[in-house]
PDB file of N, CA and C in Angstrom:
ATOM      1  N   MET A   1     -20.515   5.362  17.626  1.00  0.00           N
ATOM      2  CA  MET A   1     -19.483   6.182  15.963  1.00  0.00           C
ATOM      3  C   MET A   1     -18.328   5.745  17.644  1.00  0.00           C
ATOM      4  N   ARG A   2     -17.380   5.256  16.433  1.00  0.00           N
ATOM      5  CA  ARG A   2     -16.184   5.249  17.428  1.00  0.00           C
ATOM      6  C   ARG A   2     -15.150   6.133  18.071  1.00  0.00           C
ATOM      7  N   SER A   3     -14.556   5.882  18.844  1.00  0.00           N
ATOM      8  CA  SER A   3     -13.767   7.647  19.178  1.00  0.00           C
ATOM      9  C   SER A   3     -12.613   7.601  18.391  1.00  0.00           C
ATOM     10  N   GLU A   4     -12.307   8.676  18.124  1.00  0.00           N
ATOM     11  CA  GLU A   4     -11.035   8.911  17.808  1.00  0.00           C
ATOM     12  C   GLU A   4      -9.505   8.425  18.239  1.00  0.00           C
ATOM     13  N   GLU A   5      -9.844   8.201  19.186  1.00  0.00           N
ATOM     14  CA  GLU A   5      -8.338   7.170  19.658  1.00  0.00           C
ATOM     15  C   GLU A   5      -7.851   5.825  19.103  1.00  0.00           C
ATOM     16  N   TRP A   6      -9.586   5.188  18.985  1.00  0.00           N
ATOM     17  CA  TRP A   6     -10.009   3.673  18.713  1.00  0.00           C
ATOM     18  C   TRP A   6      -9.208   4.181  16.838  1.00  0.00           C
ATOM     19  N   TRP A   7      -9.760   5.011  16.170  1.00  0.00           N
ATOM     20  CA  TRP A   7      -9.665   5.774  14.699  1.00  0.00           C
ATOM     21  C   TRP A   7      -8.051   5.328  14.287  1.00  0.00           C
ATOM     22  N   ALA A   8      -7.495   7.001  15.647  1.00  0.00           N
ATOM     23  CA  ALA A   8      -5.862   6.802  14.973  1.00  0.00           C
ATOM     24  C   ALA A   8      -5.017   5.148  15.199  1.00  0.00           C
ATOM     25  N   ALA A   9      -5.760   4.677  16.697  1.00  0.00           N
ATOM     26  CA  ALA A   9      -4.436   2.762  16.625  1.00  0.00           C
ATOM     27  C   ALA A   9      -4.639   2.475  15.615  1.00  0.00           C
ATOM     28  N   ARG A  10      -6.266   2.331  15.176  1.00  0.00           N
ATOM     29  CA  ARG A  10      -6.458   0.955  13.668  1.00  0.00           C
ATOM     30  C   ARG A  10      -5.289   1.792  12.511  1.00  0.00           C
ATOM     31  N   HIS A  11      -5.513   3.124  12.636  1.00  0.00           N
ATOM     32  CA  HIS A  11      -4.945   3.988  11.174  1.00  0.00           C
ATOM     33  C   HIS A  11      -2.951   3.262  11.502  1.00  0.00           C
ATOM     34  N   ALA A  12      -2.406   3.315  13.127  1.00  0.00           N
ATOM     35  CA  ALA A  12      -1.478   3.039  12.928  1.00  0.00           C
ATOM     36  C   ALA A  12      -0.959   1.728  12.851  1.00  0.00           C
ATOM     37  N   ARG A  13      -2.525   0.679  13.286  1.00  0.00           N
ATOM     38  CA  ARG A  13      -1.922  -0.519  12.831  1.00  0.00           C
ATOM     39  C   ARG A  13      -2.004  -0.824  11.758  1.00  0.00           C
ATOM     40  N   LEU A  14      -2.652  -0.398  10.841  1.00  0.00           N
ATOM     41  CA  LEU A  14      -2.574  -0.930   9.317  1.00  0.00           C
ATOM     42  C   LEU A  14      -1.430  -0.597   8.774  1.00  0.00           C
ATOM     43  N   VAL A  15      -0.704   1.095   9.382  1.00  0.00           N
ATOM     44  CA  VAL A  15       0.075   1.946   8.250  1.00  0.00           C
ATOM     45  C   VAL A  15       1.347   1.219   8.921  1.00  0.00           C
ATOM     46  N   LYS A  16       2.009   0.357   9.935  1.00  0.00           N
ATOM     47  CA  LYS A  16       2.463  -0.490  10.505  1.00  0.00           C
ATOM     48  C   LYS A  16       2.955  -1.705   9.644  1.00  0.00           C
ATOM     49  N   ASN A  17       2.033  -2.168   9.497  1.00  0.00           N
ATOM     50  CA  ASN A  17       1.387  -3.665   8.992  1.00  0.00           C
ATOM     51  C   ASN A  17       2.171  -3.143   7.123  1.00  0.00           C
ATOM     52  N   GLU A  18       1.947  -2.272   6.566  1.00  0.00           N
ATOM     53  CA  GLU A  18       1.666  -1.895   5.249  1.00  0.00           C
ATOM     54  C   GLU A  18       3.213  -1.230   5.124  1.00  0.00           C
ATOM     55  N   GLU A  19       3.823  -0.842   5.881  1.00  0.00           N
ATOM     56  CA  GLU A  19       5.382  -0.785   5.953  1.00  0.00           C
ATOM     57  C   GLU A  19       6.370  -1.806   6.261  1.00  0.00           C
ATOM     58  N   SER A  20       5.821  -2.419   7.057  1.00  0.00           N
ATOM     59  CA  SER A  20       6.641  -3.770   6.749  1.00  0.00           C
ATOM     60  C   SER A  20       6.087  -5.195   5.769  1.00  0.00           C
ATOM     61  N   PHE A  21       5.852  -4.555   5.467  1.00  0.00           N
ATOM     62  CA  PHE A  21       5.595  -5.236   3.610  1.00  0.00           C
ATOM     63  C   PHE A  21       6.382  -4.585   2.601  1.00  0.00           C
ATOM     64  N   ARG A  22       6.317  -3.522   3.310  1.00  0.00           N
ATOM     65  CA  ARG A  22       7.113  -2.191   1.788  1.00  0.00           C
ATOM     66  C   ARG A  22       8.966  -2.561   2.248  1.00  0.00           C
ATOM     67  N   GLU A  23       8.727  -2.830   3.613  1.00  0.00           N
ATOM     68  CA  GLU A  23      10.481  -3.131   3.588  1.00  0.00           C
ATOM     69  C   GLU A  23      10.495  -3.881   3.449  1.00  0.00           C
ATOM     70  N   TYR A  24       9.664  -5.867   3.324  1.00  0.00           N
ATOM     71  CA  TYR A  24       9.698  -6.642   3.406  1.00  0.00           C
ATOM     72  C   TYR A  24      10.445  -6.701   1.272  1.00  0.00           C
ATOM     73  N   ASN A  25       9.477  -5.882   0.420  1.00  0.00           N
ATOM     74  CA  ASN A  25       9.570  -5.487  -1.135  1.00  0.00           C
ATOM     75  C   ASN A  25      10.897  -4.997  -1.501  1.00  0.00           C
ATOM     76  N   ASN A  26      11.515  -3.799  -0.615  1.00  0.00           N
ATOM     77  CA  ASN A  26      12.110  -3.123  -0.882  1.00  0.00           C
ATOM     78  C   ASN A  26      13.522  -4.077  -0.726  1.00  0.00           C
ATOM     79  N   ARG A  27      13.571  -4.765   0.196  1.00  0.00           N
ATOM     80  CA  ARG A  27      14.812  -5.618   0.310  1.00  0.00           C
ATOM     81  C   ARG A  27      15.047  -6.748  -0.826  1.00  0.00           C
ATOM     82  N   ARG A  28      13.330  -7.109  -1.038  1.00  0.00           N
ATOM     83  CA  ARG A  28      13.503  -8.053  -2.188  1.00  0.00           C
ATOM     84  C   ARG A  28      13.873  -7.562  -3.786  1.00  0.00           C
ATOM     85  N   LEU A  29      13.474  -6.286  -4.189  1.00  0.00           N
ATOM     86  CA  LEU A  29      14.228  -5.506  -5.325  1.00  0.00           C
ATOM     87  C   LEU A  29      15.710  -5.253  -5.514  1.00  0.00           C
ATOM     88  N   GLU A  30      16.356  -5.089  -4.277  1.00  0.00           N
ATOM     89  CA  GLU A  30      17.405  -4.984  -3.971  1.00  0.00           C
ATOM     90  C   GLU A  30      17.905  -6.193  -3.947  1.00  0.00           C
ATOM     91  N   ARG A  31      17.407  -7.561  -3.925  1.00  0.00           N
ATOM     92  CA  ARG A  31      18.085  -8.765  -4.674  1.00  0.00           C
ATOM     93  C   ARG A  31      17.840  -9.031  -5.879  1.00  0.00           C
ATOM     94  N   GLU A  32      17.353  -8.169  -7.085  1.00  0.00           N
ATOM     95  CA  GLU A  32      17.017  -9.004  -8.037  1.00  0.00           C
ATOM     96  C   GLU A  32      18.016  -8.190  -8.935  1.00  0.00           C
ATOM     97  N   PRO A  33      17.984  -9.210 -10.253  1.00  0.00           N
ATOM     98  CA  PRO A  33      19.305  -8.558 -10.746  1.00  0.00           C
ATOM     99  C   PRO A  33      19.018  -7.450 -12.067  1.00  0.00           C
ATOM    100  N   VAL A  34      18.865  -7.033 -11.678  1.00  0.00           N
ATOM    101  CA  VAL A  34      17.878  -5.735 -12.754  1.00  0.00           C
ATOM    102  C   VAL A  34      18.127  -4.474 -12.172  1.00  0.00           C
ATOM    103  N   ASP A  35      17.808  -3.020 -12.685  1.00  0.00           N
ATOM    104  CA  ASP A  35      18.090  -2.120 -12.645  1.00  0.00           C
ATOM    105  C   ASP A  35      17.003  -1.109 -11.795  1.00  0.00           C
ATOM    106  N   ALA A  36      16.656  -0.710 -11.322  1.00  0.00           N
ATOM    107  CA  ALA A  36      15.733  -0.013 -10.520  1.00  0.00           C
ATOM    108  C   ALA A  36      14.301   0.350 -11.426  1.00  0.00           C
ATOM    109  N   ASP A  37      15.251   0.662 -12.551  1.00  0.00           N
ATOM    110  CA  ASP A  37      14.345   1.558 -13.626  1.00  0.00           C
ATOM    111  C   ASP A  37      13.997   0.491 -14.830  1.00  0.00           C
ATOM    112  N   ASP A  38      14.113  -0.581 -14.659  1.00  0.00           N
ATOM    113  CA  ASP A  38      13.904  -2.300 -15.306  1.00  0.00           C
ATOM    114  C   ASP A  38      12.163  -1.636 -15.864  1.00  0.00           C
ATOM    115  N   ASP A  39      11.990  -1.637 -17.130  1.00  0.00           N
ATOM    116  CA  ASP A  39      10.467  -1.655 -17.162  1.00  0.00           C
ATOM    117  C   ASP A  39       9.752  -3.441 -17.969  1.00  0.00           C
ATOM    118  N   GLU A  40      11.051  -4.328 -17.777  1.00  0.00           N
ATOM    119  CA  GLU A  40      10.593  -5.456 -18.552  1.00  0.00           C
ATOM    120  C   GLU A  40      10.186  -6.413 -17.285  1.00  0.00           C
ATOM    121  N   GLU A  41      11.178  -6.882 -16.687  1.00  0.00           N
ATOM    122  CA  GLU A  41      11.236  -7.538 -16.209  1.00  0.00           C
ATOM    123  C   GLU A  41      10.186  -8.045 -14.943  1.00  0.00           C
ATOM    124  N   LEU A  42       9.018  -8.374 -14.374  1.00  0.00           N
ATOM    125  CA  LEU A  42       8.292  -8.876 -13.891  1.00  0.00           C
ATOM    126  C   LEU A  42       8.562  -9.480 -13.006  1.00  0.00           C
ATOM    127  N   ILE A  43       8.660  -8.879 -11.398  1.00  0.00           N
ATOM    128  CA  ILE A  43       8.781  -9.449 -10.416  1.00  0.00           C
ATOM    129  C   ILE A  43       7.770  -9.408  -9.285  1.00  0.00           C
ATOM    130  N   PRO A  44       7.975 -10.961  -8.635  1.00  0.00           N
ATOM    131  CA  PRO A  44       6.895 -10.940  -7.479  1.00  0.00           C
ATOM    132  C   PRO A  44       7.333 -10.512  -6.706  1.00  0.00           C
ATOM    133  N   PHE A  45       5.977  -9.559  -5.970  1.00  0.00           N
ATOM    134  CA  PHE A  45       5.964  -8.849  -5.285  1.00  0.00           C
ATOM    135  C   PHE A  45       4.700  -9.089  -3.714  1.00  0.00           C
ATOM    136  N   VAL A  46       5.019  -8.997  -2.742  1.00  0.00           N
ATOM    137  CA  VAL A  46       4.073  -9.439  -2.045  1.00  0.00           C
ATOM    138  C   VAL A  46       2.650  -8.170  -1.165  1.00  0.00           C
ATOM    139  N   CYS A  47       1.660  -8.604  -1.092  1.00  0.00           N
ATOM    140  CA  CYS A  47       0.372  -7.450  -1.173  1.00  0.00           C
ATOM    141  C   CYS A  47       1.207  -6.163  -0.428  1.00  0.00           C
ATOM    142  N   GLU A  48       1.166  -5.145  -0.465  1.00  0.00           N
ATOM    143  CA  GLU A  48       1.360  -4.019   0.867  1.00  0.00           C
ATOM    144  C   GLU A  48       0.269  -3.899   1.697  1.00  0.00           C
ATOM    145  N   CYS A  49      -0.872  -4.455   1.476  1.00  0.00           N
ATOM    146  CA  CYS A  49      -1.781  -4.114   2.540  1.00  0.00           C
ATOM    147  C   CYS A  49      -2.154  -4.152   3.663  1.00  0.00           C
ATOM    148  N   GLY A  50      -3.058  -3.568   4.370  1.00  0.00           N
ATOM    149  CA  GLY A  50      -2.967  -3.413   5.943  1.00  0.00           C
ATOM    150  C   GLY A  50      -4.031  -4.700   6.187  1.00  0.00           C
ATOM    151  N   ASN A  51      -3.886  -5.968   5.140  1.00  0.00           N
ATOM    152  CA  ASN A  51      -4.730  -7.222   6.183  1.00  0.00           C
ATOM    153  C   ASN A  51      -3.173  -8.117   6.985  1.00  0.00           C
ATOM    154  N   PHE A  52      -3.288  -8.364   8.494  1.00  0.00           N
ATOM    155  CA  PHE A  52      -1.647  -9.216   8.981  1.00  0.00           C
ATOM    156  C   PHE A  52      -1.916 -10.204   8.307  1.00  0.00           C
ATOM    157  N   GLU A  53      -2.987 -11.000   7.425  1.00  0.00           N
ATOM    158  CA  GLU A  53      -3.032 -12.518   6.674  1.00  0.00           C
ATOM    159  C   GLU A  53      -2.658 -12.289   5.470  1.00  0.00           C
ATOM    160  N   CYS A  54      -2.795 -11.581   5.081  1.00  0.00           N
ATOM    161  CA  CYS A  54      -2.521 -11.975   3.816  1.00  0.00           C
ATOM    162  C   CYS A  54      -0.701 -11.598   3.288  1.00  0.00           C
ATOM    163  N   VAL A  55      -0.693 -12.340   2.046  1.00  0.00           N
ATOM    164  CA  VAL A  55       0.684 -12.538   1.896  1.00  0.00           C
ATOM    165  C   VAL A  55       0.500 -13.183   0.552  1.00  0.00           C
ATOM    166  N   GLN A  56      -0.501 -12.797  -0.415  1.00  0.00           N
ATOM    167  CA  GLN A  56      -0.450 -13.017  -1.860  1.00  0.00           C
ATOM    168  C   GLN A  56       0.403 -11.788  -3.027  1.00  0.00           C
ATOM    169  N   ALA A  57       0.175 -12.866  -3.495  1.00  0.00           N
ATOM    170  CA  ALA A  57       2.010 -11.856  -4.539  1.00  0.00           C
ATOM    171  C   ALA A  57       1.274 -10.820  -5.275  1.00  0.00           C
ATOM    172  N   LEU A  58       2.397  -9.808  -6.301  1.00  0.00           N
ATOM    173  CA  LEU A  58       1.318  -8.897  -7.452  1.00  0.00           C
ATOM    174  C   LEU A  58       3.142  -8.752  -7.893  1.00  0.00           C
ATOM    175  N   LEU A  59       2.866  -8.840  -9.251  1.00  0.00           N
ATOM    176  CA  LEU A  59       3.247  -8.860 -10.233  1.00  0.00           C
ATOM    177  C   LEU A  59       3.994  -7.325 -10.746  1.00  0.00           C
ATOM    178  N   ALA A  60       5.305  -6.784 -10.643  1.00  0.00           N
ATOM    179  CA  ALA A  60       5.867  -5.361 -11.229  1.00  0.00           C
ATOM    180  C   ALA A  60       7.199  -5.732 -11.630  1.00  0.00           C
ATOM    181  N   THR A  61       6.994  -4.265 -12.227  1.00  0.00           N
ATOM    182  CA  THR A  61       8.428  -4.479 -12.841  1.00  0.00           C
ATOM    183  C   THR A  61       8.881  -3.703 -11.524  1.00  0.00           C
ATOM    184  N   ALA A  62      10.168  -3.078 -11.974  1.00  0.00           N
ATOM    185  CA  ALA A  62      11.355  -2.532 -10.608  1.00  0.00           C
ATOM    186  C   ALA A  62      11.106  -1.213 -11.264  1.00  0.00           C
ATOM    187  N   ASP A  63      10.923  -0.594 -12.413  1.00  0.00           N
ATOM    188  CA  ASP A  63      10.242   0.726 -12.253  1.00  0.00           C
ATOM    189  C   ASP A  63       8.853   1.047 -12.204  1.00  0.00           C
ATOM    190  N   ALA A  64       7.992   0.050 -12.359  1.00  0.00           N
ATOM    191  CA  ALA A  64       6.758   0.259 -11.568  1.00  0.00           C
ATOM    192  C   ALA A  64       6.545   0.700  -9.898  1.00  0.00           C
ATOM    193  N   PHE A  65       7.415  -0.853  -9.671  1.00  0.00           N
ATOM    194  CA  PHE A  65       7.749  -0.160  -7.974  1.00  0.00           C
ATOM    195  C   PHE A  65       8.230   0.740  -7.810  1.00  0.00           C
ATOM    196  N   THR A  66       8.976   1.359  -8.430  1.00  0.00           N
ATOM    197  CA  THR A  66       9.422   2.235  -8.021  1.00  0.00           C
ATOM    198  C   THR A  66       8.988   3.537  -7.662  1.00  0.00           C
ATOM    199  N   GLU A  67       8.264   3.430  -9.142  1.00  0.00           N
ATOM    200  CA  GLU A  67       7.001   4.698  -8.996  1.00  0.00           C
ATOM    201  C   GLU A  67       5.882   4.726  -8.375  1.00  0.00           C
ATOM    202  N   ALA A  68       5.566   3.701  -7.890  1.00  0.00           N
ATOM    203  CA  ALA A  68       4.537   3.299  -7.103  1.00  0.00           C
ATOM    204  C   ALA A  68       4.726   3.858  -5.635  1.00  0.00           C
ATOM    205  N   HIS A  69       5.756   3.466  -5.384  1.00  0.00           N
ATOM    206  CA  HIS A  69       6.543   3.980  -3.743  1.00  0.00           C
ATOM    207  C   HIS A  69       7.645   5.964  -3.920  1.00  0.00           C
ATOM    208  N   SER A  70       7.280   6.672  -4.910  1.00  0.00           N
ATOM    209  CA  SER A  70       7.555   7.858  -4.872  1.00  0.00           C
ATOM    210  C   SER A  70       7.148   8.800  -4.003  1.00  0.00           C
ATOM    211  N   ALA A  71       6.091   8.341  -2.828  1.00  0.00           N
ATOM    212  CA  ALA A  71       5.484   9.128  -1.403  1.00  0.00           C
ATOM    213  C   ALA A  71       5.806   8.062  -0.989  1.00  0.00           C
ATOM    214  N   PRO A  72       6.178   8.254   0.430  1.00  0.00           N
ATOM    215  CA  PRO A  72       5.842   7.549   2.059  1.00  0.00           C
ATOM    216  C   PRO A  72       5.130   7.006   2.215  1.00  0.00           C
ATOM    217  N   ASP A  73       3.569   7.606   1.347  1.00  0.00           N
ATOM    218  CA  ASP A  73       2.444   7.402   2.123  1.00  0.00           C
ATOM    219  C   ASP A  73       1.522   5.981   0.734  1.00  0.00           C
ATOM    220  N   ARG A  74       2.781   6.085   0.230  1.00  0.00           N
ATOM    221  CA  ARG A  74       2.362   5.641  -1.145  1.00  0.00           C
ATOM    222  C   ARG A  74       2.528   3.102  -1.012  1.00  0.00           C
ATOM    223  N   PHE A  75       1.308   2.556  -1.663  1.00  0.00           N
ATOM    224  CA  PHE A  75       1.730   1.083  -1.002  1.00  0.00           C
ATOM    225  C   PHE A  75       1.228   0.420  -2.376  1.00  0.00           C
ATOM    226  N   MET A  76       1.194  -0.221  -2.522  1.00  0.00           N
ATOM    227  CA  MET A  76       1.279  -1.596  -3.886  1.00  0.00           C
ATOM    228  C   MET A  76      -0.003  -3.247  -3.334  1.00  0.00           C
ATOM    229  N   VAL A  77      -1.140  -2.566  -3.353  1.00  0.00           N
ATOM    230  CA  VAL A  77      -2.079  -3.562  -3.288  1.00  0.00           C
ATOM    231  C   VAL A  77      -2.617  -4.393  -4.141  1.00  0.00           C
ATOM    232  N   ILE A  78      -3.188  -6.379  -3.991  1.00  0.00           N
ATOM    233  CA  ILE A  78      -3.984  -6.341  -4.898  1.00  0.00           C
ATOM    234  C   ILE A  78      -5.025  -5.844  -5.109  1.00  0.00           C
ATOM    235  N   PRO A  79      -6.356  -5.526  -5.935  1.00  0.00           N
ATOM    236  CA  PRO A  79      -7.525  -4.633  -6.273  1.00  0.00           C
ATOM    237  C   PRO A  79      -7.999  -5.433  -4.595  1.00  0.00           C
ATOM    238  N   GLY A  80      -8.796  -4.883  -4.482  1.00  0.00           N
ATOM    239  CA  GLY A  80      -9.824  -5.500  -3.519  1.00  0.00           C
ATOM    240  C   GLY A  80      -9.094  -5.686  -1.728  1.00  0.00           C
ATOM    241  N   HIS A  81      -7.791  -5.324  -2.093  1.00  0.00           N
ATOM    242  CA  HIS A  81      -7.178  -4.996  -0.886  1.00  0.00           C
ATOM    243  C   HIS A  81      -6.975  -4.189  -0.285  1.00  0.00           C
ATOM    244  N   VAL A  82      -7.714  -2.869  -0.490  1.00  0.00           N
ATOM    245  CA  VAL A  82      -8.015  -1.207   0.014  1.00  0.00           C
ATOM    246  C   VAL A  82      -8.469  -1.229   1.395  1.00  0.00           C
ATOM    247  N   PHE A  83      -8.248  -0.308   2.332  1.00  0.00           N
ATOM    248  CA  PHE A  83      -8.843  -0.086   3.176  1.00  0.00           C
ATOM    249  C   PHE A  83      -9.246   1.117   3.042  1.00  0.00           C
ATOM    250  N   GLU A  84     -10.456   1.422   2.402  1.00  0.00           N
ATOM    251  CA  GLU A  84     -11.486   2.825   2.291  1.00  0.00           C
ATOM    252  C   GLU A  84     -11.923   3.646   3.354  1.00  0.00           C
ATOM    253  N   ASP A  85     -11.274   2.993   4.764  1.00  0.00           N
ATOM    254  CA  ASP A  85     -11.638   4.526   5.747  1.00  0.00           C
ATOM    255  C   ASP A  85     -10.358   4.801   5.910  1.00  0.00           C
ATOM    256  N   ILE A  86      -8.851   4.079   5.455  1.00  0.00           N
ATOM    257  CA  ILE A  86      -7.631   5.201   5.543  1.00  0.00           C
ATOM    258  C   ILE A  86      -6.793   5.087   4.311  1.00  0.00           C
ATOM    259  N   GLU A  87      -7.572   4.812   3.091  1.00  0.00           N
ATOM    260  CA  GLU A  87      -6.339   5.032   2.135  1.00  0.00           C
ATOM    261  C   GLU A  87      -7.223   4.671   0.827  1.00  0.00           C
ATOM    262  N   ARG A  88      -6.485   5.971  -0.021  1.00  0.00           N
ATOM    263  CA  ARG A  88      -7.687   5.657  -1.783  1.00  0.00           C
ATOM    264  C   ARG A  88      -6.853   5.186  -2.812  1.00  0.00           C
ATOM    265  N   VAL A  89      -7.187   4.327  -4.043  1.00  0.00           N
ATOM    266  CA  VAL A  89      -6.547   4.146  -4.691  1.00  0.00           C
ATOM    267  C   VAL A  89      -6.140   5.679  -5.441  1.00  0.00           C
ATOM    268  N   VAL A  90      -4.546   5.910  -5.897  1.00  0.00           N
ATOM    269  CA  VAL A  90      -4.269   6.873  -6.830  1.00  0.00           C
ATOM    270  C   VAL A  90      -3.982   6.261  -8.229  1.00  0.00           C
ATOM    271  N   SER A  91      -4.056   4.837  -8.776  1.00  0.00           N
ATOM    272  CA  SER A  91      -3.883   4.020  -9.906  1.00  0.00           C
ATOM    273  C   SER A  91      -3.950   3.074  -9.461  1.00  0.00           C
ATOM    274  N   THR A  92      -4.519   1.974 -10.840  1.00  0.00           N
ATOM    275  CA  THR A  92      -4.857   0.861 -10.699  1.00  0.00           C
ATOM    276  C   THR A  92      -4.092   0.444 -12.269  1.00  0.00           C
ATOM    277  N   ARG A  93      -3.240  -0.698 -11.789  1.00  0.00           N
ATOM    278  CA  ARG A  93      -2.654  -1.057 -12.754  1.00  0.00           C
ATOM    279  C   ARG A  93      -2.737  -2.558 -13.644  1.00  0.00           C
ATOM    280  N   ASP A  94      -2.114  -3.431 -13.718  1.00  0.00           N
ATOM    281  CA  ASP A  94      -2.618  -4.386 -14.234  1.00  0.00           C
ATOM    282  C   ASP A  94      -2.353  -5.545 -12.657  1.00  0.00           C
ATOM    283  N   GLY A  95      -3.202  -6.018 -12.209  1.00  0.00           N
ATOM    284  CA  GLY A  95      -2.896  -6.932 -11.520  1.00  0.00           C
ATOM    285  C   GLY A  95      -3.195  -6.452  -9.666  1.00  0.00           C
ATOM    286  N   TYR A  96      -2.606  -5.297 -10.116  1.00  0.00           N
ATOM    287  CA  TYR A  96      -2.595  -4.598  -8.526  1.00  0.00           C
ATOM    288  C   TYR A  96      -3.082  -3.398  -8.705  1.00  0.00           C
ATOM    289  N   GLN A  97      -3.155  -2.284  -7.823  1.00  0.00           N
ATOM    290  CA  GLN A  97      -3.230  -0.723  -7.371  1.00  0.00           C
ATOM    291  C   GLN A  97      -2.881  -0.061  -6.299  1.00  0.00           C
ATOM    292  N   VAL A  98      -2.575   1.734  -6.802  1.00  0.00           N
ATOM    293  CA  VAL A  98      -0.998   2.109  -5.913  1.00  0.00           C
ATOM    294  C   VAL A  98      -2.399   2.796  -5.008  1.00  0.00           C
ATOM    295  N   VAL A  99      -2.509   2.672  -3.676  1.00  0.00           N
ATOM    296  CA  VAL A  99      -3.082   3.189  -2.870  1.00  0.00           C
ATOM    297  C   VAL A  99      -2.070   4.101  -1.719  1.00  0.00           C
ATOM    298  N   GLU A 100      -2.815   5.337  -1.741  1.00  0.00           N
ATOM    299  CA  GLU A 100      -2.123   6.782  -0.779  1.00  0.00           C
ATOM    300  C   GLU A 100      -3.204   6.355   0.278  1.00  0.00           C
ATOM    301  N   LYS A 101      -2.537   6.867   1.824  1.00  0.00           N
ATOM    302  CA  LYS A 101      -2.730   7.185   3.098  1.00  0.00           C
ATOM    303  C   LYS A 101      -3.926   8.393   2.941  1.00  0.00           C
ATOM    304  N   PHE A 102      -4.592   8.498   3.438  1.00  0.00           N
ATOM    305  CA  PHE A 102      -4.879   9.549   3.680  1.00  0.00           C
ATOM    306  C   PHE A 102      -4.716  10.849   4.895  1.00  0.00           C
ATOM    307  N   ASP A 103      -4.435  12.104   4.944  1.00  0.00           N
ATOM    308  CA  ASP A 103      -4.065  12.376   6.103  1.00  0.00           C
ATOM    309  C   ASP A 103      -5.138  12.655   7.245  1.00  0.00           C
ATOM    310  N   MET A 104      -4.693  12.048   8.615  1.00  0.00           N
ATOM    311  CA  MET A 104      -5.224  11.906   9.358  1.00  0.00           C
ATOM    312  C   MET A 104      -5.844  13.430   9.975  1.00  0.00           C
ATOM    313  N   ASP A 105      -5.435  13.687   9.676  1.00  0.00           N
ATOM    314  CA  ASP A 105      -6.277  15.521  10.223  1.00  0.00           C
ATOM    315  C   ASP A 105      -7.410  15.791   9.080  1.00  0.00           C
ATOM    316  N   VAL A 106      -7.448  15.784   8.501  1.00  0.00           N
ATOM    317  CA  VAL A 106      -7.398  16.649   6.725  1.00  0.00           C
ATOM    318  C   VAL A 106      -8.727  14.825   6.649  1.00  0.00           C
ATOM    319  N   ASP A 107      -8.589  13.878   6.250  1.00  0.00           N
ATOM    320  CA  ASP A 107      -9.301  12.972   5.375  1.00  0.00           C
ATOM    321  C   ASP A 107      -9.590  12.212   6.621  1.00  0.00           C
ATOM    322  N   ALA A 108      -9.788  11.857   7.685  1.00  0.00           N
ATOM    323  CA  ALA A 108      -9.666  10.797   8.403  1.00  0.00           C
ATOM    324  C   ALA A 108     -11.415  11.104   8.852  1.00  0.00           C
ATOM    325  N   GLU A 109     -11.663  12.248   9.091  1.00  0.00           N
ATOM    326  CA  GLU A 109     -13.456  12.732   9.535  1.00  0.00           C
ATOM    327  C   GLU A 109     -14.215  12.193   8.066  1.00  0.00           C
ATOM    328  N   TRP A 110     -13.657  12.411   7.263  1.00  0.00           N
ATOM    329  CA  TRP A 110     -14.534  12.537   6.076  1.00  0.00           C
ATOM    330  C   TRP A 110     -14.338  10.700   5.536  1.00  0.00           C
ATOM    331  N   ALA A 111     -13.618   9.991   5.674  1.00  0.00           N
ATOM    332  CA  ALA A 111     -13.322   8.474   5.590  1.00  0.00           C
ATOM    333  C   ALA A 111     -13.985   7.975   6.568  1.00  0.00           C
ATOM    334  N   ARG A 112     -14.268   8.377   7.633  1.00  0.00           N
ATOM    335  CA  ARG A 112     -15.475   7.399   8.580  1.00  0.00           C
ATOM    336  C   ARG A 112     -16.569   7.925   8.272  1.00  0.00           C
ATOM    337  N   GLU A 113     -17.237   8.623   8.055  1.00  0.00           N
ATOM    338  CA  GLU A 113     -18.631   9.216   7.432  1.00  0.00           C
ATOM    339  C   GLU A 113     -19.189   8.529   6.486  1.00  0.00           C
ATOM    340  N   ALA A 114     -17.676   8.206   5.097  1.00  0.00           N
ATOM    341  CA  ALA A 114     -18.096   7.549   3.988  1.00  0.00           C
ATOM    342  C   ALA A 114     -17.946   6.051   4.055  1.00  0.00           C
ATOM    343  N   THR A 115     -17.959   5.437   5.376  1.00  0.00           N
ATOM    344  CA  THR A 115     -17.537   4.116   5.335  1.00  0.00           C
ATOM    345  C   THR A 115     -18.278   4.039   6.443  1.00  0.00           C
ATOM    346  N   GLY A 116     -19.271   4.698   7.160  1.00  0.00           N
ATOM    347  CA  GLY A 116     -20.523   4.245   8.636  1.00  0.00           C
ATOM    348  C   GLY A 116     -19.311   4.434   9.557  1.00  0.00           C
TER     349      GLY A 116
END
């Protein structure tokens, strides 16, 4: 079994990567000629998963993007890009999923046990 420090470092690394992609997507949305509540125009966003090599795109409206990021610990990822030891799927949409990070103090032990 890996140490608590290893799990904390892994979690921090993945979250930092996801936050970087989220910041990129926020800048992307700011440059789009649509309102933040537009629910018609599809916009290409980069997957916000923790994989450092992933640069796949997903399509979502500005409204869906804003809704998905209604909490600071939520991110949009392509299906199959979920790191089940640090996050859970909170909703599935057409072409992407919204994931929420586990509270490291409350959920991390359960996640480690569930993923071996």
